[in-house]
Amino acid sequence: MSITRRTLVAGAIAIAATPAVADTWPAKPIRMIVPLAPGATADIVARLFAEELGKSLGQTVVVDNKTGAGGTIATAEAARAPADGYTMVLVSQGTMVFNMGLYKTPGYDSLKDLMPVAVSGGVSNVLIVHPDNPAKTVEDVLAQARAKPGELTYSSGGVGTSHHMSGVLLELRTGVKLQHVPYRATPAGIMGVVNGEVVMGMFNTPTVIGQIKGGKLKAIAVTSEKRSDLLPDVPTMMESGVKDYVVNTWMGFAVPAKVPDAVTARLNAEINRIGQLPHVREKMLAQGIEMLPPGSPAAGQKLVRDDLELWIPIIKASGASAG
């Protein structure tokens, strides 16, 4: 058989098999890869959706935590998985966008190797300072930065995190020069502000809400487009005078790029439905995650593409690199 004929026959078999896969799926448990350790906010979200998906699909959805290298290990593994609908992965702005600019070889292309099934929620960051800091507004903080260019410190949970990128974007949008102090993990970065080791930080709102309410940290502004339901009295960065400043770290789910459309559509419908359940929305908000309106896989692809166009130049301008 010629190569051309073999190719045509193989293509015909694949086309014929696609409806069969969609009709019988799921016929066995589904694996959900999560690029964070058990107990992390994203892990809690993944397990919540996995439980509800299992109920609606009639198959167990097994959460598999794979940590390390900023989520590239887990995401690359998902991208290489068979495109049969039995592997999905929790994705975020960090793994699908930031990593494309931070890693020379992340192991996957977020536009070519993965298909976003649905983007479910977003987490704002909040600009925090120590309570003894006299700053009350973003302009007060910027004045402190302008007084000592390159000396005002801000912490993060590591290079390339949304905490880090929030600082980079603040520099680009205002022209101030800051000093980034990356810690090995988010809790350590937060404690750097609490203990006065650094001047400020911009961390995920749910990770610092306890210290804010307990008086150990002062909230200056949130980074989302709209005010956070968790901190309704705290203005946004744009309300505070910083134009075109939005950092709202989204998260959702993706599958290998060549999973049959019918399977992707079914997952999309189920995840969107689950995301609107009152008890799910309540539990998500308890984790500081505000639900986004239901969207299609195409909308998820557009979000990734638009974010790449925005953030890759910003990351390159910052000189940030994770390997």
C-alpha atoms as a PDB file:
ATOM      1  CA  MET A   1       0.000   0.000   0.000  1.00  0.00           C
ATOM      2  CA  SER A   2       1.399   3.417  -0.955  1.00  0.00           C
ATOM      3  CA  ILE A   3       2.080   6.049   1.697  1.00  0.00           C
ATOM      4  CA  THR A   4      -0.672   8.231   0.248  1.00  0.00           C
ATOM      5  CA  ARG A   5      -3.219   5.421   0.353  1.00  0.00           C
ATOM      6  CA  ARG A   6      -2.213   4.410   3.873  1.00  0.00           C
ATOM      7  CA  THR A   7      -2.605   8.027   4.982  1.00  0.00           C
ATOM      8  CA  LEU A   8      -6.074   8.259   3.450  1.00  0.00           C
ATOM      9  CA  VAL A   9      -7.173   4.988   5.029  1.00  0.00           C
ATOM     10  CA  ALA A  10      -5.827   6.019   8.437  1.00  0.00           C
ATOM     11  CA  GLY A  11      -7.613   9.355   8.153  1.00  0.00           C
ATOM     12  CA  ALA A  12     -10.883   7.675   7.250  1.00  0.00           C
ATOM     13  CA  ILE A  13     -10.591   5.323  10.224  1.00  0.00           C
ATOM     14  CA  ALA A  14      -9.899   8.261  12.561  1.00  0.00           C
ATOM     15  CA  ILE A  15     -12.900  10.185  11.248  1.00  0.00           C
ATOM     16  CA  ALA A  16     -15.137   7.142  11.616  1.00  0.00           C
ATOM     17  CA  ALA A  17     -13.873   6.516  15.137  1.00  0.00           C
ATOM     18  CA  THR A  18     -14.540  10.040  16.402  1.00  0.00           C
ATOM     19  CA  PRO A  19     -18.349   9.690  16.740  1.00  0.00           C
ATOM     20  CA  ALA A  20     -17.885   6.288  18.378  1.00  0.00           C
ATOM     21  CA  VAL A  21     -15.571   7.787  20.999  1.00  0.00           C
ATOM     22  CA  ALA A  22     -18.054  10.581  21.669  1.00  0.00           C
ATOM     23  CA  ASP A  23     -21.000   8.156  21.896  1.00  0.00           C
ATOM     24  CA  THR A  24     -19.335   5.857  24.419  1.00  0.00           C
ATOM     25  CA  TRP A  25     -17.453   8.461  26.438  1.00  0.00           C
ATOM     26  CA  PRO A  26     -16.909   8.279  29.330  1.00  0.00           C
ATOM     27  CA  ALA A  27     -16.525   4.534  29.729  1.00  0.00           C
ATOM     28  CA  LYS A  28     -13.899   4.668  32.482  1.00  0.00           C
ATOM     29  CA  PRO A  29     -12.584   7.046  35.169  1.00  0.00           C
ATOM     30  CA  ILE A  30     -11.194  10.421  34.084  1.00  0.00           C
ATOM     31  CA  ARG A  31      -7.889  11.764  35.356  1.00  0.00           C
ATOM     32  CA  MET A  32      -7.706  15.437  36.363  1.00  0.00           C
ATOM     33  CA  ILE A  33      -4.102  16.639  36.681  1.00  0.00           C
ATOM     34  CA  VAL A  34      -3.605  19.518  39.126  1.00  0.00           C
ATOM     35  CA  PRO A  35      -0.292  21.444  39.059  1.00  0.00           C
ATOM     36  CA  LEU A  36      -0.403  22.275  42.764  1.00  0.00           C
ATOM     37  CA  ALA A  37      -0.110  20.447  46.062  1.00  0.00           C
ATOM     38  CA  PRO A  38      -3.137  19.069  47.933  1.00  0.00           C
ATOM     39  CA  GLY A  39      -4.806  21.757  50.006  1.00  0.00           C
ATOM     40  CA  ALA A  40      -3.871  24.684  47.780  1.00  0.00           C
ATOM     41  CA  THR A  41      -6.716  26.941  46.654  1.00  0.00           C
ATOM     42  CA  ALA A  42      -6.629  25.604  43.106  1.00  0.00           C
ATOM     43  CA  ASP A  43      -6.574  22.036  44.400  1.00  0.00           C
ATOM     44  CA  ILE A  44      -9.697  22.690  46.453  1.00  0.00           C
ATOM     45  CA  VAL A  45     -11.392  24.053  43.335  1.00  0.00           C
ATOM     46  CA  ALA A  46     -10.300  21.054  41.266  1.00  0.00           C
ATOM     47  CA  ARG A  47     -11.666  18.583  43.797  1.00  0.00           C
ATOM     48  CA  LEU A  48     -14.968  20.442  43.994  1.00  0.00           C
ATOM     49  CA  PHE A  49     -15.435  20.268  40.230  1.00  0.00           C
ATOM     50  CA  ALA A  50     -14.124  16.690  40.073  1.00  0.00           C
ATOM     51  CA  GLU A  51     -16.755  15.553  42.558  1.00  0.00           C
ATOM     52  CA  GLU A  52     -19.587  17.252  40.676  1.00  0.00           C
ATOM     53  CA  LEU A  53     -18.308  16.056  37.288  1.00  0.00           C
ATOM     54  CA  GLY A  54     -18.205  12.505  38.586  1.00  0.00           C
ATOM     55  CA  LYS A  55     -21.872  12.727  39.563  1.00  0.00           C
ATOM     56  CA  SER A  56     -23.014  14.068  36.201  1.00  0.00           C
ATOM     57  CA  LEU A  57     -20.810  11.857  33.998  1.00  0.00           C
ATOM     58  CA  GLY A  58     -21.328   8.642  35.925  1.00  0.00           C
ATOM     59  CA  GLN A  59     -17.582   8.047  36.209  1.00  0.00           C
ATOM     60  CA  THR A  60     -15.065   8.863  38.916  1.00  0.00           C
ATOM     61  CA  VAL A  61     -12.872  11.890  38.229  1.00  0.00           C
ATOM     62  CA  VAL A  62      -9.537  11.219  39.931  1.00  0.00           C
ATOM     63  CA  VAL A  63      -7.460  14.241  40.999  1.00  0.00           C
ATOM     64  CA  ASP A  64      -3.731  13.719  40.398  1.00  0.00           C
ATOM     65  CA  ASN A  65      -1.483  16.376  41.958  1.00  0.00           C
ATOM     66  CA  LYS A  66       1.740  17.018  40.035  1.00  0.00           C
ATOM     67  CA  THR A  67       3.824  19.848  41.470  1.00  0.00           C
ATOM     68  CA  GLY A  68       6.995  21.572  40.357  1.00  0.00           C
ATOM     69  CA  ALA A  69       8.494  23.980  37.822  1.00  0.00           C
ATOM     70  CA  GLY A  70       5.685  26.504  37.980  1.00  0.00           C
ATOM     71  CA  GLY A  71       3.114  23.997  36.785  1.00  0.00           C
ATOM     72  CA  THR A  72       4.990  23.130  33.597  1.00  0.00           C
ATOM     73  CA  ILE A  73       5.506  19.486  34.607  1.00  0.00           C
ATOM     74  CA  ALA A  74       1.805  18.840  35.126  1.00  0.00           C
ATOM     75  CA  THR A  75       0.652  20.857  32.133  1.00  0.00           C
ATOM     76  CA  ALA A  76       3.174  19.282  29.767  1.00  0.00           C
ATOM     77  CA  GLU A  77       2.089  15.824  30.912  1.00  0.00           C
ATOM     78  CA  ALA A  78      -1.513  16.679  30.139  1.00  0.00           C
ATOM     79  CA  ALA A  79      -0.569  18.062  26.718  1.00  0.00           C
ATOM     80  CA  ARG A  80       1.175  14.774  25.852  1.00  0.00           C
ATOM     81  CA  ALA A  81      -1.687  12.578  27.084  1.00  0.00           C
ATOM     82  CA  PRO A  82      -3.818  10.584  24.615  1.00  0.00           C
ATOM     83  CA  ALA A  83      -6.517  12.763  23.079  1.00  0.00           C
ATOM     84  CA  ASP A  84      -9.292  10.428  24.185  1.00  0.00           C
ATOM     85  CA  GLY A  85     -11.052  12.607  26.735  1.00  0.00           C
ATOM     86  CA  TYR A  86      -9.778  10.718  29.759  1.00  0.00           C
ATOM     87  CA  THR A  87      -7.176  13.294  30.803  1.00  0.00           C
ATOM     88  CA  MET A  88      -7.885  16.887  31.724  1.00  0.00           C
ATOM     89  CA  VAL A  89      -5.845  19.482  33.563  1.00  0.00           C
ATOM     90  CA  LEU A  90      -6.516  22.450  35.788  1.00  0.00           C
ATOM     91  CA  VAL A  91      -5.052  25.478  33.993  1.00  0.00           C
ATOM     92  CA  SER A  92      -4.575  29.103  34.918  1.00  0.00           C
ATOM     93  CA  GLN A  93      -3.216  32.349  33.625  1.00  0.00           C
ATOM     94  CA  GLY A  94       0.097  31.271  35.131  1.00  0.00           C
ATOM     95  CA  THR A  95       0.421  27.956  33.312  1.00  0.00           C
ATOM     96  CA  MET A  96      -1.170  29.003  30.018  1.00  0.00           C
ATOM     97  CA  VAL A  97       0.224  32.524  29.686  1.00  0.00           C
ATOM     98  CA  PHE A  98       2.998  33.515  32.099  1.00  0.00           C
ATOM     99  CA  ASN A  99       4.945  30.277  31.624  1.00  0.00           C
ATOM    100  CA  MET A 100       5.131  30.875  27.879  1.00  0.00           C
ATOM    101  CA  GLY A 101       7.283  33.931  28.564  1.00  0.00           C
ATOM    102  CA  LEU A 102       9.144  32.715  31.633  1.00  0.00           C
ATOM    103  CA  TYR A 103      10.396  29.307  30.455  1.00  0.00           C
ATOM    104  CA  LYS A 104      12.546  28.746  27.375  1.00  0.00           C
ATOM    105  CA  THR A 105      11.206  25.208  27.040  1.00  0.00           C
ATOM    106  CA  PRO A 106       8.008  24.811  29.102  1.00  0.00           C
ATOM    107  CA  GLY A 107       7.267  21.502  27.344  1.00  0.00           C
ATOM    108  CA  TYR A 108       4.024  22.598  25.693  1.00  0.00           C
ATOM    109  CA  ASP A 109       2.492  25.312  23.544  1.00  0.00           C
ATOM    110  CA  SER A 110      -0.651  26.606  25.237  1.00  0.00           C
ATOM    111  CA  LEU A 111      -2.278  27.505  21.912  1.00  0.00           C
ATOM    112  CA  LYS A 112      -1.329  24.389  19.933  1.00  0.00           C
ATOM    113  CA  ASP A 113      -1.172  21.560  22.445  1.00  0.00           C
ATOM    114  CA  LEU A 114      -4.135  22.270  24.727  1.00  0.00           C
ATOM    115  CA  MET A 115      -7.791  23.159  24.289  1.00  0.00           C
ATOM    116  CA  PRO A 116      -9.352  25.234  27.080  1.00  0.00           C
ATOM    117  CA  VAL A 117     -12.631  23.510  27.971  1.00  0.00           C
ATOM    118  CA  ALA A 118     -13.960  26.292  30.186  1.00  0.00           C
ATOM    119  CA  VAL A 119     -12.639  29.222  32.203  1.00  0.00           C
ATOM    120  CA  SER A 120     -14.464  29.101  35.516  1.00  0.00           C
ATOM    121  CA  GLY A 121     -13.270  31.761  37.922  1.00  0.00           C
ATOM    122  CA  GLY A 122     -10.901  34.587  38.674  1.00  0.00           C
ATOM    123  CA  VAL A 123      -8.878  35.702  41.682  1.00  0.00           C
ATOM    124  CA  SER A 124      -7.886  39.317  42.248  1.00  0.00           C
ATOM    125  CA  ASN A 125      -4.698  40.373  43.962  1.00  0.00           C
ATOM    126  CA  VAL A 126      -4.625  43.063  46.612  1.00  0.00           C
ATOM    127  CA  LEU A 127      -1.886  45.598  47.252  1.00  0.00           C
ATOM    128  CA  ILE A 128      -0.931  45.287  50.918  1.00  0.00           C
ATOM    129  CA  VAL A 129       1.410  47.141  53.259  1.00  0.00           C
ATOM    130  CA  HIS A 130       2.215  46.890  56.939  1.00  0.00           C
ATOM    131  CA  PRO A 131      -0.339  48.671  59.172  1.00  0.00           C
ATOM    132  CA  ASP A 132       2.393  51.044  60.406  1.00  0.00           C
ATOM    133  CA  ASN A 133       3.010  52.263  56.860  1.00  0.00           C
ATOM    134  CA  PRO A 134       1.386  55.735  56.594  1.00  0.00           C
ATOM    135  CA  ALA A 135       0.264  55.083  53.004  1.00  0.00           C
ATOM    136  CA  LYS A 136      -3.513  55.038  52.581  1.00  0.00           C
ATOM    137  CA  THR A 137      -3.793  55.166  48.800  1.00  0.00           C
ATOM    138  CA  VAL A 138      -1.985  53.866  45.734  1.00  0.00           C
ATOM    139  CA  GLU A 139      -0.706  57.381  45.088  1.00  0.00           C
ATOM    140  CA  ASP A 140       0.832  57.388  48.575  1.00  0.00           C
ATOM    141  CA  VAL A 141       2.681  54.167  47.754  1.00  0.00           C
ATOM    142  CA  LEU A 142       3.806  55.533  44.391  1.00  0.00           C
ATOM    143  CA  ALA A 143       5.099  58.657  46.125  1.00  0.00           C
ATOM    144  CA  GLN A 144       7.189  56.470  48.403  1.00  0.00           C
ATOM    145  CA  ALA A 145       8.558  54.649  45.357  1.00  0.00           C
ATOM    146  CA  ARG A 146       9.391  57.881  43.523  1.00  0.00           C
ATOM    147  CA  ALA A 147      11.192  59.209  46.588  1.00  0.00           C
ATOM    148  CA  LYS A 148      13.626  56.287  46.476  1.00  0.00           C
ATOM    149  CA  PRO A 149      13.723  54.901  42.893  1.00  0.00           C
ATOM    150  CA  GLY A 150      14.488  51.181  42.801  1.00  0.00           C
ATOM    151  CA  GLU A 151      14.530  50.844  46.581  1.00  0.00           C
ATOM    152  CA  LEU A 152      10.875  50.277  47.503  1.00  0.00           C
ATOM    153  CA  THR A 153      10.581  46.517  47.925  1.00  0.00           C
ATOM    154  CA  TYR A 154       7.712  44.199  47.112  1.00  0.00           C
ATOM    155  CA  SER A 155       7.546  40.486  47.812  1.00  0.00           C
ATOM    156  CA  SER A 156       6.131  37.572  45.846  1.00  0.00           C
ATOM    157  CA  GLY A 157       5.823  33.818  46.089  1.00  0.00           C
ATOM    158  CA  GLY A 158       8.405  33.449  43.326  1.00  0.00           C
ATOM    159  CA  VAL A 159       9.495  34.679  39.911  1.00  0.00           C
ATOM    160  CA  GLY A 160       6.654  34.640  37.389  1.00  0.00           C
ATOM    161  CA  THR A 161       3.804  34.466  39.873  1.00  0.00           C
ATOM    162  CA  SER A 162       0.871  36.831  39.528  1.00  0.00           C
ATOM    163  CA  HIS A 163       2.300  38.628  42.589  1.00  0.00           C
ATOM    164  CA  HIS A 164       5.499  39.294  40.667  1.00  0.00           C
ATOM    165  CA  MET A 165       3.713  40.252  37.447  1.00  0.00           C
ATOM    166  CA  SER A 166       1.468  42.646  39.381  1.00  0.00           C
ATOM    167  CA  GLY A 167       4.571  44.569  40.408  1.00  0.00           C
ATOM    168  CA  VAL A 168       5.994  44.513  36.896  1.00  0.00           C
ATOM    169  CA  LEU A 169       2.753  45.880  35.484  1.00  0.00           C
ATOM    170  CA  LEU A 170       2.657  48.612  38.135  1.00  0.00           C
ATOM    171  CA  GLU A 171       6.137  49.715  37.068  1.00  0.00           C
ATOM    172  CA  LEU A 172       5.153  49.800  33.404  1.00  0.00           C
ATOM    173  CA  ARG A 173       1.866  51.622  33.973  1.00  0.00           C
ATOM    174  CA  THR A 174       3.264  54.286  36.339  1.00  0.00           C
ATOM    175  CA  GLY A 175       6.962  54.590  35.518  1.00  0.00           C
ATOM    176  CA  VAL A 176       8.115  53.892  39.080  1.00  0.00           C
ATOM    177  CA  LYS A 177      11.072  51.617  39.789  1.00  0.00           C
ATOM    178  CA  LEU A 178      10.564  48.895  42.394  1.00  0.00           C
ATOM    179  CA  GLN A 179      12.738  46.152  43.871  1.00  0.00           C
ATOM    180  CA  HIS A 180      11.289  42.649  43.552  1.00  0.00           C
ATOM    181  CA  VAL A 181      12.021  40.263  46.429  1.00  0.00           C
ATOM    182  CA  PRO A 182      10.954  36.717  45.468  1.00  0.00           C
ATOM    183  CA  TYR A 183      10.383  34.282  48.313  1.00  0.00           C
ATOM    184  CA  ARG A 184      10.347  30.520  47.995  1.00  0.00           C
ATOM    185  CA  ALA A 185       6.589  30.304  48.589  1.00  0.00           C
ATOM    186  CA  THR A 186       3.559  32.548  48.905  1.00  0.00           C
ATOM    187  CA  PRO A 187       3.156  32.290  52.713  1.00  0.00           C
ATOM    188  CA  ALA A 188       6.766  33.389  53.189  1.00  0.00           C
ATOM    189  CA  GLY A 189       6.255  36.330  50.839  1.00  0.00           C
ATOM    190  CA  ILE A 190       3.184  37.440  52.767  1.00  0.00           C
ATOM    191  CA  MET A 191       5.019  37.151  56.072  1.00  0.00           C
ATOM    192  CA  GLY A 192       7.730  39.344  54.571  1.00  0.00           C
ATOM    193  CA  VAL A 193       5.190  42.197  54.564  1.00  0.00           C
ATOM    194  CA  VAL A 194       3.739  41.280  57.970  1.00  0.00           C
ATOM    195  CA  ASN A 195       7.222  41.252  59.534  1.00  0.00           C
ATOM    196  CA  GLY A 196       8.353  44.437  57.811  1.00  0.00           C
ATOM    197  CA  GLU A 197      11.055  42.749  55.731  1.00  0.00           C
ATOM    198  CA  VAL A 198       9.582  44.321  52.586  1.00  0.00           C
ATOM    199  CA  VAL A 199       7.376  47.374  52.078  1.00  0.00           C
ATOM    200  CA  MET A 200       4.513  45.827  50.151  1.00  0.00           C
ATOM    201  CA  GLY A 201       3.138  42.904  48.212  1.00  0.00           C
ATOM    202  CA  MET A 202       0.339  42.115  45.775  1.00  0.00           C
ATOM    203  CA  PHE A 203      -1.038  38.715  46.697  1.00  0.00           C
ATOM    204  CA  ASN A 204      -4.170  36.734  45.865  1.00  0.00           C
ATOM    205  CA  THR A 205      -6.951  38.251  47.944  1.00  0.00           C
ATOM    206  CA  PRO A 206      -8.016  35.003  49.685  1.00  0.00           C
ATOM    207  CA  THR A 207      -4.467  34.326  50.891  1.00  0.00           C
ATOM    208  CA  VAL A 208      -4.272  37.611  52.819  1.00  0.00           C
ATOM    209  CA  ILE A 209      -7.896  38.291  53.781  1.00  0.00           C
ATOM    210  CA  GLY A 210      -7.337  36.845  57.268  1.00  0.00           C
ATOM    211  CA  GLN A 211      -4.346  39.083  58.025  1.00  0.00           C
ATOM    212  CA  ILE A 212      -6.198  42.120  56.635  1.00  0.00           C
ATOM    213  CA  LYS A 213      -9.253  41.529  58.813  1.00  0.00           C
ATOM    214  CA  GLY A 214      -6.994  40.715  61.752  1.00  0.00           C
ATOM    215  CA  GLY A 215      -5.167  44.036  61.445  1.00  0.00           C
ATOM    216  CA  LYS A 216      -1.799  42.546  60.508  1.00  0.00           C
ATOM    217  CA  LEU A 217      -1.917  43.968  56.977  1.00  0.00           C
ATOM    218  CA  LYS A 218      -3.437  47.069  55.392  1.00  0.00           C
ATOM    219  CA  ALA A 219      -5.253  46.741  52.057  1.00  0.00           C
ATOM    220  CA  ILE A 220      -4.649  49.602  49.621  1.00  0.00           C
ATOM    221  CA  ALA A 221      -6.247  48.464  46.333  1.00  0.00           C
ATOM    222  CA  VAL A 222      -7.348  45.347  44.473  1.00  0.00           C
ATOM    223  CA  THR A 223      -6.029  44.509  41.012  1.00  0.00           C
ATOM    224  CA  SER A 224      -9.266  43.291  39.415  1.00  0.00           C
ATOM    225  CA  GLU A 225     -11.406  45.325  37.027  1.00  0.00           C
ATOM    226  CA  LYS A 226     -14.205  45.532  39.583  1.00  0.00           C
ATOM    227  CA  ARG A 227     -14.084  45.581  43.362  1.00  0.00           C
ATOM    228  CA  SER A 228     -13.793  42.229  45.098  1.00  0.00           C
ATOM    229  CA  ASP A 229     -16.778  40.862  46.969  1.00  0.00           C
ATOM    230  CA  LEU A 230     -14.306  39.929  49.700  1.00  0.00           C
ATOM    231  CA  LEU A 231     -13.131  43.533  50.116  1.00  0.00           C
ATOM    232  CA  PRO A 232     -15.988  45.707  48.857  1.00  0.00           C
ATOM    233  CA  ASP A 233     -14.641  48.859  50.554  1.00  0.00           C
ATOM    234  CA  VAL A 234     -11.213  48.603  48.905  1.00  0.00           C
ATOM    235  CA  PRO A 235     -10.910  50.437  45.553  1.00  0.00           C
ATOM    236  CA  THR A 236      -9.461  48.956  42.388  1.00  0.00           C
ATOM    237  CA  MET A 237      -6.117  50.057  40.990  1.00  0.00           C
ATOM    238  CA  MET A 238      -7.906  51.827  38.147  1.00  0.00           C
ATOM    239  CA  GLU A 239     -10.219  53.617  40.575  1.00  0.00           C
ATOM    240  CA  SER A 240      -7.044  54.677  42.336  1.00  0.00           C
ATOM    241  CA  GLY A 241      -5.707  56.350  39.188  1.00  0.00           C
ATOM    242  CA  VAL A 242      -3.593  53.632  37.559  1.00  0.00           C
ATOM    243  CA  LYS A 243      -4.876  53.424  33.986  1.00  0.00           C
ATOM    244  CA  ASP A 244      -5.250  50.084  32.161  1.00  0.00           C
ATOM    245  CA  TYR A 245      -4.247  48.107  35.230  1.00  0.00           C
ATOM    246  CA  VAL A 246      -5.996  44.759  35.634  1.00  0.00           C
ATOM    247  CA  VAL A 247      -4.585  41.530  37.061  1.00  0.00           C
ATOM    248  CA  ASN A 248      -7.308  38.975  37.654  1.00  0.00           C
ATOM    249  CA  THR A 249      -5.788  35.529  37.698  1.00  0.00           C
ATOM    250  CA  TRP A 250      -8.216  33.179  35.968  1.00  0.00           C
ATOM    251  CA  MET A 251      -8.397  29.418  36.215  1.00  0.00           C
ATOM    252  CA  GLY A 252     -10.253  26.712  34.357  1.00  0.00           C
ATOM    253  CA  PHE A 253      -9.826  23.339  32.695  1.00  0.00           C
ATOM    254  CA  ALA A 254      -8.236  22.096  29.487  1.00  0.00           C
ATOM    255  CA  VAL A 255      -7.762  18.863  27.544  1.00  0.00           C
ATOM    256  CA  PRO A 256      -5.230  17.771  24.912  1.00  0.00           C
ATOM    257  CA  ALA A 257      -5.839  19.719  21.703  1.00  0.00           C
ATOM    258  CA  LYS A 258      -7.117  16.834  19.567  1.00  0.00           C
ATOM    259  CA  VAL A 259      -9.796  15.516  21.926  1.00  0.00           C
ATOM    260  CA  PRO A 260     -12.994  15.003  19.857  1.00  0.00           C
ATOM    261  CA  ASP A 261     -15.121  18.139  19.655  1.00  0.00           C
ATOM    262  CA  ALA A 262     -18.176  16.324  21.001  1.00  0.00           C
ATOM    263  CA  VAL A 263     -16.289  15.318  24.158  1.00  0.00           C
ATOM    264  CA  THR A 264     -14.928  18.832  24.646  1.00  0.00           C
ATOM    265  CA  ALA A 265     -18.429  20.258  24.167  1.00  0.00           C
ATOM    266  CA  ARG A 266     -19.865  17.870  26.760  1.00  0.00           C
ATOM    267  CA  LEU A 267     -17.190  18.785  29.290  1.00  0.00           C
ATOM    268  CA  ASN A 268     -17.743  22.463  28.566  1.00  0.00           C
ATOM    269  CA  ALA A 269     -21.488  22.159  29.174  1.00  0.00           C
ATOM    270  CA  GLU A 270     -21.015  20.217  32.410  1.00  0.00           C
ATOM    271  CA  ILE A 271     -18.338  22.536  33.824  1.00  0.00           C
ATOM    272  CA  ASN A 272     -20.376  25.626  32.957  1.00  0.00           C
ATOM    273  CA  ARG A 273     -23.436  24.076  34.605  1.00  0.00           C
ATOM    274  CA  ILE A 274     -21.495  23.111  37.723  1.00  0.00           C
ATOM    275  CA  GLY A 275     -20.046  26.593  37.987  1.00  0.00           C
ATOM    276  CA  GLN A 276     -23.533  28.068  38.317  1.00  0.00           C
ATOM    277  CA  LEU A 277     -24.686  25.759  41.128  1.00  0.00           C
ATOM    278  CA  PRO A 278     -25.335  27.860  44.255  1.00  0.00           C
ATOM    279  CA  HIS A 279     -23.328  25.640  46.588  1.00  0.00           C
ATOM    280  CA  VAL A 280     -20.392  25.584  44.169  1.00  0.00           C
ATOM    281  CA  ARG A 281     -20.417  29.366  43.781  1.00  0.00           C
ATOM    282  CA  GLU A 282     -20.553  29.690  47.573  1.00  0.00           C
ATOM    283  CA  LYS A 283     -17.596  27.364  48.079  1.00  0.00           C
ATOM    284  CA  MET A 284     -15.630  29.086  45.315  1.00  0.00           C
ATOM    285  CA  LEU A 285     -16.206  32.494  46.879  1.00  0.00           C
ATOM    286  CA  ALA A 286     -15.090  31.087  50.217  1.00  0.00           C
ATOM    287  CA  GLN A 287     -11.757  30.412  48.481  1.00  0.00           C
ATOM    288  CA  GLY A 288     -11.714  33.956  47.153  1.00  0.00           C
ATOM    289  CA  ILE A 289     -12.608  32.907  43.626  1.00  0.00           C
ATOM    290  CA  GLU A 290     -15.289  34.904  41.900  1.00  0.00           C
ATOM    291  CA  MET A 291     -17.131  32.983  39.188  1.00  0.00           C
ATOM    292  CA  LEU A 292     -16.945  34.140  35.585  1.00  0.00           C
ATOM    293  CA  PRO A 293     -19.860  33.928  33.130  1.00  0.00           C
ATOM    294  CA  PRO A 294     -20.115  30.586  31.246  1.00  0.00           C
ATOM    295  CA  GLY A 295     -18.045  30.546  28.061  1.00  0.00           C
ATOM    296  CA  SER A 296     -17.217  28.286  25.130  1.00  0.00           C
ATOM    297  CA  PRO A 297     -13.898  26.560  24.353  1.00  0.00           C
ATOM    298  CA  ALA A 298     -13.441  29.126  21.567  1.00  0.00           C
ATOM    299  CA  ALA A 299     -13.845  31.917  24.117  1.00  0.00           C
ATOM    300  CA  GLY A 300     -11.211  30.222  26.280  1.00  0.00           C
ATOM    301  CA  GLN A 301      -8.807  30.083  23.341  1.00  0.00           C
ATOM    302  CA  LYS A 302      -9.382  33.772  22.660  1.00  0.00           C
ATOM    303  CA  LEU A 303      -8.705  34.624  26.297  1.00  0.00           C
ATOM    304  CA  VAL A 304      -5.385  32.761  26.168  1.00  0.00           C
ATOM    305  CA  ARG A 305      -4.435  34.392  22.862  1.00  0.00           C
ATOM    306  CA  ASP A 306      -5.319  37.890  24.086  1.00  0.00           C
ATOM    307  CA  ASP A 307      -3.471  37.366  27.369  1.00  0.00           C
ATOM    308  CA  LEU A 308      -0.375  36.156  25.528  1.00  0.00           C
ATOM    309  CA  GLU A 309      -0.395  39.291  23.392  1.00  0.00           C
ATOM    310  CA  LEU A 310      -0.646  41.422  26.532  1.00  0.00           C
ATOM    311  CA  TRP A 311       1.696  39.648  28.917  1.00  0.00           C
ATOM    312  CA  ILE A 312       4.568  38.240  26.830  1.00  0.00           C
ATOM    313  CA  PRO A 313       5.908  41.736  25.999  1.00  0.00           C
ATOM    314  CA  ILE A 314       5.497  42.722  29.651  1.00  0.00           C
ATOM    315  CA  ILE A 315       7.409  39.662  30.841  1.00  0.00           C
ATOM    316  CA  LYS A 316      10.174  40.273  28.295  1.00  0.00           C
ATOM    317  CA  ALA A 317      10.419  43.928  29.322  1.00  0.00           C
ATOM    318  CA  SER A 318      10.779  42.846  32.950  1.00  0.00           C
ATOM    319  CA  GLY A 319      13.636  40.470  32.192  1.00  0.00           C
ATOM    320  CA  ALA A 320      11.949  37.829  34.352  1.00  0.00           C
ATOM    321  CA  SER A 321      12.962  34.246  33.675  1.00  0.00           C
ATOM    322  CA  ALA A 322      12.233  30.962  35.416  1.00  0.00           C
ATOM    323  CA  GLY A 323      14.544  28.717  33.390  1.00  0.00           C
END
